[in-house]
Protein backbone atom coordinates (compact mmCIF):
# COMPACT_ATOMS: atom_id res chain seq x y z
CA UNK A 1 -20.09 14.53 -7.82
CA UNK A 2 -22.66 14.67 -10.58
CA UNK A 3 -21.32 13.30 -13.94
CA UNK A 4 -22.74 11.37 -17.01
CA UNK A 5 -22.46 7.81 -18.15
CA UNK A 6 -23.31 6.91 -21.51
CA UNK A 7 -23.34 11.13 -22.05
CA UNK A 8 -27.73 10.33 -21.41
CA UNK A 9 -28.09 10.05 -17.65
CA UNK A 10 -26.90 12.51 -14.96
CA UNK A 11 -25.79 10.75 -11.91
CA UNK A 12 -24.60 11.42 -8.55
CA UNK A 13 -22.36 8.86 -8.24
CA UNK A 14 -21.80 9.96 -4.24
CA UNK A 15 -25.07 9.76 -3.55
CA UNK A 16 -25.81 6.81 -5.19
CA UNK A 17 -22.81 5.04 -4.25
CA UNK A 18 -24.10 5.37 -0.33
CA UNK A 19 -27.28 4.02 -1.74
CA UNK A 20 -25.90 1.03 -2.86
CA UNK A 21 -23.38 0.32 0.54
CA UNK A 22 -26.91 0.60 2.78
CA UNK A 23 -28.56 -0.79 0.11
CA UNK A 24 -26.33 -4.30 0.42
CA UNK A 25 -24.76 -3.93 3.54
CA UNK A 26 -21.17 -2.30 2.36
CA UNK A 27 -17.87 -1.37 3.47
CA UNK A 28 -15.71 0.85 1.48
CA UNK A 29 -12.57 0.37 2.64
CA UNK A 30 -9.79 3.00 0.63
CA UNK A 31 -5.92 3.56 0.87
CA UNK A 32 -4.17 6.07 1.55
CA UNK A 33 -3.33 6.60 -2.14
CA UNK A 34 -6.77 6.87 -3.30
CA UNK A 35 -8.15 9.97 -4.88
CA UNK A 36 -9.10 12.25 -2.04
CA UNK A 37 -13.16 11.93 -3.13
CA UNK A 38 -12.67 8.17 -2.96
CA UNK A 39 -10.77 8.49 0.71
CA UNK A 40 -14.00 10.59 1.51
CA UNK A 41 -16.52 7.97 0.49
CA UNK A 42 -15.30 5.14 2.56
CA UNK A 43 -15.72 3.56 6.37
CA UNK A 44 -12.03 3.64 6.82
CA UNK A 45 -8.87 4.57 5.11
CA UNK A 46 -5.71 2.83 5.60
CA UNK A 47 -2.70 0.88 4.89
CA UNK A 48 -3.24 -2.32 2.96
CA UNK A 49 -3.28 -4.17 6.05
CA UNK A 50 -5.26 -1.98 8.69
CA UNK A 51 -7.94 -2.34 5.96
CA UNK A 52 -7.68 -6.19 5.56
CA UNK A 53 -8.67 -6.48 9.07
CA UNK A 54 -10.98 -3.77 8.84
CA UNK A 55 -12.89 -5.94 6.56
CA UNK A 56 -12.63 -9.07 8.43
CA UNK A 57 -13.49 -7.05 11.65
CA UNK A 58 -17.19 -5.46 10.44
CA UNK A 59 -20.36 -6.96 10.08
CA UNK A 60 -20.70 -6.00 6.55
CA UNK A 61 -21.44 -8.97 3.94
CA UNK A 62 -19.98 -7.35 0.91
CA UNK A 63 -16.04 -5.76 1.02
CA UNK A 64 -15.15 -3.24 -1.79
CA UNK A 65 -11.49 -2.58 -2.04
CA UNK A 66 -10.56 1.08 -3.62
CA UNK A 67 -7.32 0.06 -3.58
CA UNK A 68 -4.86 -2.26 -6.01
CA UNK A 69 -4.95 -6.03 -6.58
CA UNK A 70 -3.00 -7.37 -3.91
CA UNK A 71 -4.40 -5.40 -1.18
CA UNK A 72 -8.16 -6.72 -2.73
CA UNK A 73 -6.59 -10.62 -2.23
CA UNK A 74 -5.41 -9.52 0.96
CA UNK A 75 -9.08 -8.99 2.08
CA UNK A 76 -10.49 -11.94 0.48
CA UNK A 77 -7.63 -14.31 1.92
CA UNK A 78 -8.67 -12.92 5.73
CA UNK A 79 -12.45 -12.69 5.07
CA UNK A 80 -12.91 -15.80 2.39
CA UNK A 81 -16.46 -16.49 2.63
CA UNK A 82 -17.29 -12.55 2.05
CA UNK A 83 -17.56 -11.13 -1.32
CA UNK A 84 -14.37 -8.59 -2.07
CA UNK A 85 -14.89 -5.82 -4.62
CA UNK A 86 -12.11 -3.96 -6.61
CA UNK A 87 -13.05 -1.53 -9.07
CA UNK A 88 -11.11 -2.04 -11.25
CA UNK A 89 -9.28 -5.38 -12.05
CA UNK A 90 -6.11 -3.63 -13.64
CA UNK A 91 -5.49 -2.02 -10.71
CA UNK A 92 -1.97 -4.16 -10.31
CA UNK A 93 1.26 -2.70 -8.57
CA UNK A 94 4.45 -2.56 -10.17
CA UNK A 95 6.32 -4.09 -6.89
CA UNK A 96 3.79 -7.01 -6.95
CA UNK A 97 4.84 -7.30 -10.61
CA UNK A 98 8.37 -7.61 -9.99
CA UNK A 99 8.12 -10.94 -8.16
CA UNK A 100 6.58 -13.57 -10.17
CA UNK A 101 5.58 -16.72 -8.62
CA UNK A 102 7.03 -19.46 -10.64
CA UNK A 103 10.33 -16.89 -10.59
CA UNK A 104 10.14 -16.39 -6.16
CA UNK A 105 9.42 -20.05 -6.31
CA UNK A 106 13.09 -21.17 -8.28
CA UNK A 107 14.81 -18.58 -6.37
CA UNK A 108 13.20 -20.36 -3.64
CA UNK A 109 14.62 -23.43 -4.22
CA UNK A 110 18.15 -22.24 -4.22
CA UNK A 111 17.84 -20.81 -0.80
CA UNK A 112 16.17 -23.85 0.69
CA UNK A 113 18.26 -22.71 4.06
CA UNK A 114 16.46 -18.87 4.17
CA UNK A 115 13.50 -18.54 6.14
CA UNK A 116 11.81 -16.10 3.31
CA UNK A 117 10.29 -13.09 4.60
CA UNK A 118 8.06 -11.48 2.51
CA UNK A 119 6.62 -7.43 2.01
CA UNK A 120 2.47 -7.58 1.94
CA UNK A 121 3.24 -6.20 -1.56
CA UNK A 122 3.37 -9.09 -3.55
CA UNK A 123 0.52 -11.57 -5.15
CA UNK A 124 -1.56 -13.98 -3.36
CA UNK A 125 0.93 -17.20 -5.52
CA UNK A 126 3.78 -15.44 -3.59
CA UNK A 127 2.43 -14.98 -0.09
CA UNK A 128 1.77 -18.42 -0.51
CA UNK A 129 5.62 -18.95 -0.96
CA UNK A 130 6.74 -17.04 1.83
CA UNK A 131 7.03 -18.22 5.49
CA UNK A 132 6.30 -14.90 7.08
CA UNK A 133 4.85 -11.65 5.26
CA UNK A 134 5.83 -8.53 6.99
CA UNK A 135 4.32 -4.84 6.42
CA UNK A 136 6.75 -2.00 6.29
CA UNK A 137 5.69 -1.18 9.97
CA UNK A 138 6.43 -4.09 11.85
CA UNK A 139 9.04 -5.84 9.16
CA UNK A 140 11.92 -4.73 11.79
CA UNK A 141 10.22 -6.22 14.55
CA UNK A 142 9.87 -9.74 12.83
CA UNK A 143 13.43 -10.03 11.69
CA UNK A 144 14.34 -9.00 15.39
CA UNK A 145 12.76 -12.06 16.29
CA UNK A 146 14.25 -14.49 13.60
CA UNK A 147 17.82 -16.64 14.82
CA UNK A 148 20.76 -14.56 14.13
CA UNK A 149 22.15 -17.89 12.47
CA UNK A 150 19.01 -18.20 10.12
CA UNK A 151 19.54 -17.23 7.30
CA UNK A 152 16.85 -14.83 5.87
CA UNK A 153 15.41 -14.13 2.33
CA UNK A 154 13.89 -10.81 1.36
CA UNK A 155 11.49 -10.14 -0.82
CA UNK A 156 10.61 -7.94 -3.27
CA UNK A 157 11.68 -4.81 -2.07
CA UNK A 158 14.78 -4.52 -2.24
CA UNK A 159 15.04 -0.91 -1.11
CA UNK A 160 13.06 -1.79 1.99
CA UNK A 161 15.42 -4.72 2.69
CA UNK A 162 18.56 -2.39 2.22
CA UNK A 163 17.00 0.10 5.06
CA UNK A 164 15.40 -2.68 7.60
CA UNK A 165 19.49 -4.65 6.29
CA UNK A 166 20.84 -1.11 8.20
CA UNK A 167 17.98 -1.45 10.84
CA UNK A 168 18.68 -5.07 11.74
CA UNK A 169 21.71 -5.08 11.30
CA UNK A 170 21.17 -9.03 9.58
CA UNK A 171 22.92 -9.57 5.91
CA UNK A 172 19.36 -10.47 4.07
CA UNK A 173 19.53 -11.96 0.76
CA UNK A 174 17.50 -9.15 -1.16
CA UNK A 175 14.77 -9.80 -4.02
CA UNK A 176 15.45 -7.30 -6.77
CA UNK A 177 12.63 -5.39 -7.10
CA UNK A 178 10.58 -2.25 -6.58
CA UNK A 179 8.26 0.48 -6.59
CA UNK A 180 7.89 2.59 -9.79
CA UNK A 181 6.56 5.15 -7.19
CA UNK A 182 8.79 4.87 -4.73
CA UNK A 183 12.06 4.88 -6.66
CA UNK A 184 11.53 7.51 -9.17
CA UNK A 185 11.69 10.45 -6.61
CA UNK A 186 14.52 13.42 -7.76
CA UNK A 187 17.13 13.83 -5.32
CA UNK A 188 18.50 16.86 -7.19
CA UNK A 189 14.79 18.86 -7.21
CA UNK A 190 14.15 17.59 -3.47
CA UNK A 191 17.20 19.61 -2.53
CA UNK A 192 16.02 22.58 -4.51
CA UNK A 193 12.79 22.03 -2.00
CA UNK A 194 14.73 22.00 1.07
CA UNK A 195 16.71 25.25 -0.64
CA UNK A 196 13.48 26.93 -1.19
CA UNK A 197 11.64 25.67 2.01
CA UNK A 198 14.80 25.53 4.40
CA UNK A 199 12.08 24.66 7.26
CA UNK A 200 10.50 21.61 6.33
CA UNK A 201 11.22 18.35 6.93
CA UNK A 202 12.28 15.22 4.25
CA UNK A 203 9.75 12.56 5.53
CA UNK A 204 9.94 9.72 3.35
CA UNK A 205 8.47 5.69 2.88
CA UNK A 206 11.52 3.12 3.28
CA UNK A 207 10.35 2.01 -0.04
CA UNK A 208 12.77 5.07 -1.31
CA UNK A 209 15.99 4.90 -2.64
CA UNK A 210 19.29 5.06 -0.13
CA UNK A 211 19.74 8.50 -1.77
CA UNK A 212 16.99 10.32 -0.72
CA UNK A 213 15.94 8.19 2.60
CA UNK A 214 20.08 9.43 3.27
CA UNK A 215 18.56 12.97 3.24
CA UNK A 216 15.55 12.19 5.61
CA UNK A 217 14.37 13.55 8.67
CA UNK A 218 11.94 10.68 9.31
CA UNK A 219 11.03 7.46 7.63
CA UNK A 220 8.17 5.47 8.15
CA UNK A 221 5.39 3.59 6.26
CA UNK A 222 2.74 5.17 5.09
CA UNK A 223 0.77 5.14 8.50
CA UNK A 224 3.70 6.41 10.35
CA UNK A 225 4.37 9.09 8.46
CA UNK A 226 1.41 10.49 8.51
CA UNK A 227 0.94 9.85 12.76
CA UNK A 228 4.40 11.26 12.70
CA UNK A 229 3.14 14.55 10.95
CA UNK A 230 0.44 14.67 13.54
CA UNK A 231 2.51 14.77 16.60
CA UNK A 232 5.91 16.55 15.32
CA UNK A 233 5.97 20.11 16.34
CA UNK A 234 7.15 21.08 12.87
CA UNK A 235 5.36 23.52 10.21
CA UNK A 236 6.24 22.32 7.24
CA UNK A 237 6.88 18.53 5.84
CA UNK A 238 8.32 17.61 2.31
CA UNK A 239 6.45 14.43 1.55
CA UNK A 240 8.33 11.57 -0.16
CA UNK A 241 5.60 9.35 -0.78
CA UNK A 242 2.75 8.72 -2.70
CA UNK A 243 0.60 11.87 -2.95
CA UNK A 244 -3.09 10.89 -1.93
CA UNK A 245 -1.78 10.33 1.93
CA UNK A 246 -1.36 14.58 1.81
CA UNK A 247 -5.20 14.58 1.90
CA UNK A 248 -5.45 12.72 5.17
CA UNK A 249 -1.82 15.20 6.48
CA UNK A 250 -3.84 18.45 5.40
CA UNK A 251 -7.72 16.92 6.82
CA UNK A 252 -5.76 16.24 10.32
CA UNK A 253 -3.09 18.89 10.69
CA UNK A 254 -5.00 22.18 8.60
CA UNK A 255 -2.71 24.43 9.83
CA UNK A 256 0.62 22.71 8.03
CA UNK A 257 2.42 22.42 4.82
CA UNK A 258 2.53 19.64 2.40
CA UNK A 259 4.57 19.13 -0.52
CA UNK A 260 4.69 16.66 -2.36
CA UNK A 261 8.02 15.19 -3.44
CA UNK A 262 8.80 15.38 -7.37
CA UNK A 263 9.56 12.55 -10.05
CA UNK A 264 12.58 12.53 -11.97
CA UNK A 265 11.68 12.57 -15.49
CA UNK A 266 8.30 14.77 -15.64
CA UNK A 267 7.57 18.37 -15.14
CA UNK A 268 4.60 17.42 -12.17
CA UNK A 269 5.51 18.55 -8.30
CA UNK A 270 3.56 15.43 -7.69
CA UNK A 271 4.19 11.37 -7.83
CA UNK A 272 0.96 9.40 -8.19
CA UNK A 273 0.80 5.67 -8.85
CA UNK A 274 -0.94 5.04 -11.73
CA UNK A 275 -2.64 1.99 -10.82
CA UNK A 276 -4.01 3.74 -8.25
CA UNK A 277 -5.50 5.95 -9.77
CA UNK A 278 -7.16 3.21 -11.89
CA UNK A 279 -10.23 3.38 -9.32
CA UNK A 280 -12.80 6.22 -10.57
CA UNK A 281 -15.76 7.08 -7.90
CA UNK A 282 -17.59 6.13 -11.60
CA UNK A 283 -15.84 2.72 -11.24
CA UNK A 284 -16.86 2.46 -7.71
CA UNK A 285 -20.18 2.94 -8.49
CA UNK A 286 -20.70 0.84 -11.33
CA UNK A 287 -18.73 -2.18 -9.19
CA UNK A 288 -21.14 -1.95 -6.63
CA UNK A 289 -24.46 -1.95 -8.45
CA UNK A 290 -23.08 -4.79 -10.89
CA UNK A 291 -21.47 -6.70 -7.91
CA UNK A 292 -18.22 -7.04 -9.92
CA UNK A 293 -15.35 -6.62 -10.28
CA UNK A 294 -14.93 -9.70 -7.89
CA UNK A 295 -11.61 -11.41 -6.68
CA UNK A 296 -11.87 -14.44 -6.88
CA UNK A 297 -9.15 -17.28 -5.52
CA UNK A 298 -7.42 -20.45 -5.61
CA UNK A 299 -8.86 -22.07 -2.22
CA UNK A 300 -5.16 -24.12 -1.98
CA UNK A 301 -3.39 -21.00 -2.70
CA UNK A 302 -5.78 -18.97 -0.41
CA UNK A 303 -5.36 -21.00 2.41
CA UNK A 304 -1.60 -21.60 1.72
CA UNK A 305 -1.45 -17.59 1.75
CA UNK A 306 -3.23 -17.55 5.07
CA UNK A 307 -0.62 -19.02 6.79
CA UNK A 308 2.47 -16.85 6.57
CA UNK A 309 0.16 -14.07 7.29
CA UNK A 310 -1.25 -14.95 10.44
CA UNK A 311 3.26 -15.62 11.69
CA UNK A 312 3.28 -11.88 10.53
CA UNK A 313 -0.28 -11.14 13.10
CA UNK A 314 1.63 -14.24 16.10
CA UNK A 315 4.89 -11.84 15.41
CA UNK A 316 3.78 -8.83 15.73
């Protein structure tokens, strides 16, 4: 991509980013929900935990995380001695924002007998207040390892929590948080798509609302949805998660048709995360050129947040 910066100098961002990466021995990580041009530049593309693990295992001196703030924080927790750069510090997360640490602390104090299993889509401060972190991929396995007589508090996503209650049979106490992307899919519009594409399978992330999950042919994390489309024999899918994943689905299965599930309240035929899309090639270039914005964290929070992540890794 060639563009102008300050309307004076033409810059080939892709070429310059690759030069900066080589010159600084950096690794570029991109979440599935990033713009396709960023995904294609990245060394690794994946979900948040897999990318943090990749960051920890590389020999890179600098970690550049094209994702949202809590993901970059997780990379920093697992790689505390390396600089972690985020192209736009305003790239937050509606789900993480729905669970402020002071309110979560008070919630925990009201239920001291509950073990707190917290979805990784939360801030480092909330992780530090948790007993075990989980992902949408390993949550069921982790919950099934908790003794039956041990009460569980699950945060912050209520839709994922409801789904896990059905899957595990555990009566968990749920924090009332949601993701703006996954809670706004239109069941009515999806029914219309199923009528238009009768052979298409509906695949959905478990952060979606019950009504949509009840219609789904397959439910799974972002990475599991991608894997399903690779292995399944169908040729057409209605995809109910953030539209960025479709880029990887098309690359893996170019002969298949992927239809983005639409939201309820606007006329576009896809559902984008506005926070994920704050990252651009220009911002990626500038952060690598300037070495900032850099993720900084209180050391005490970092160490406390590491413990429930390590517990998750032990139980996965």
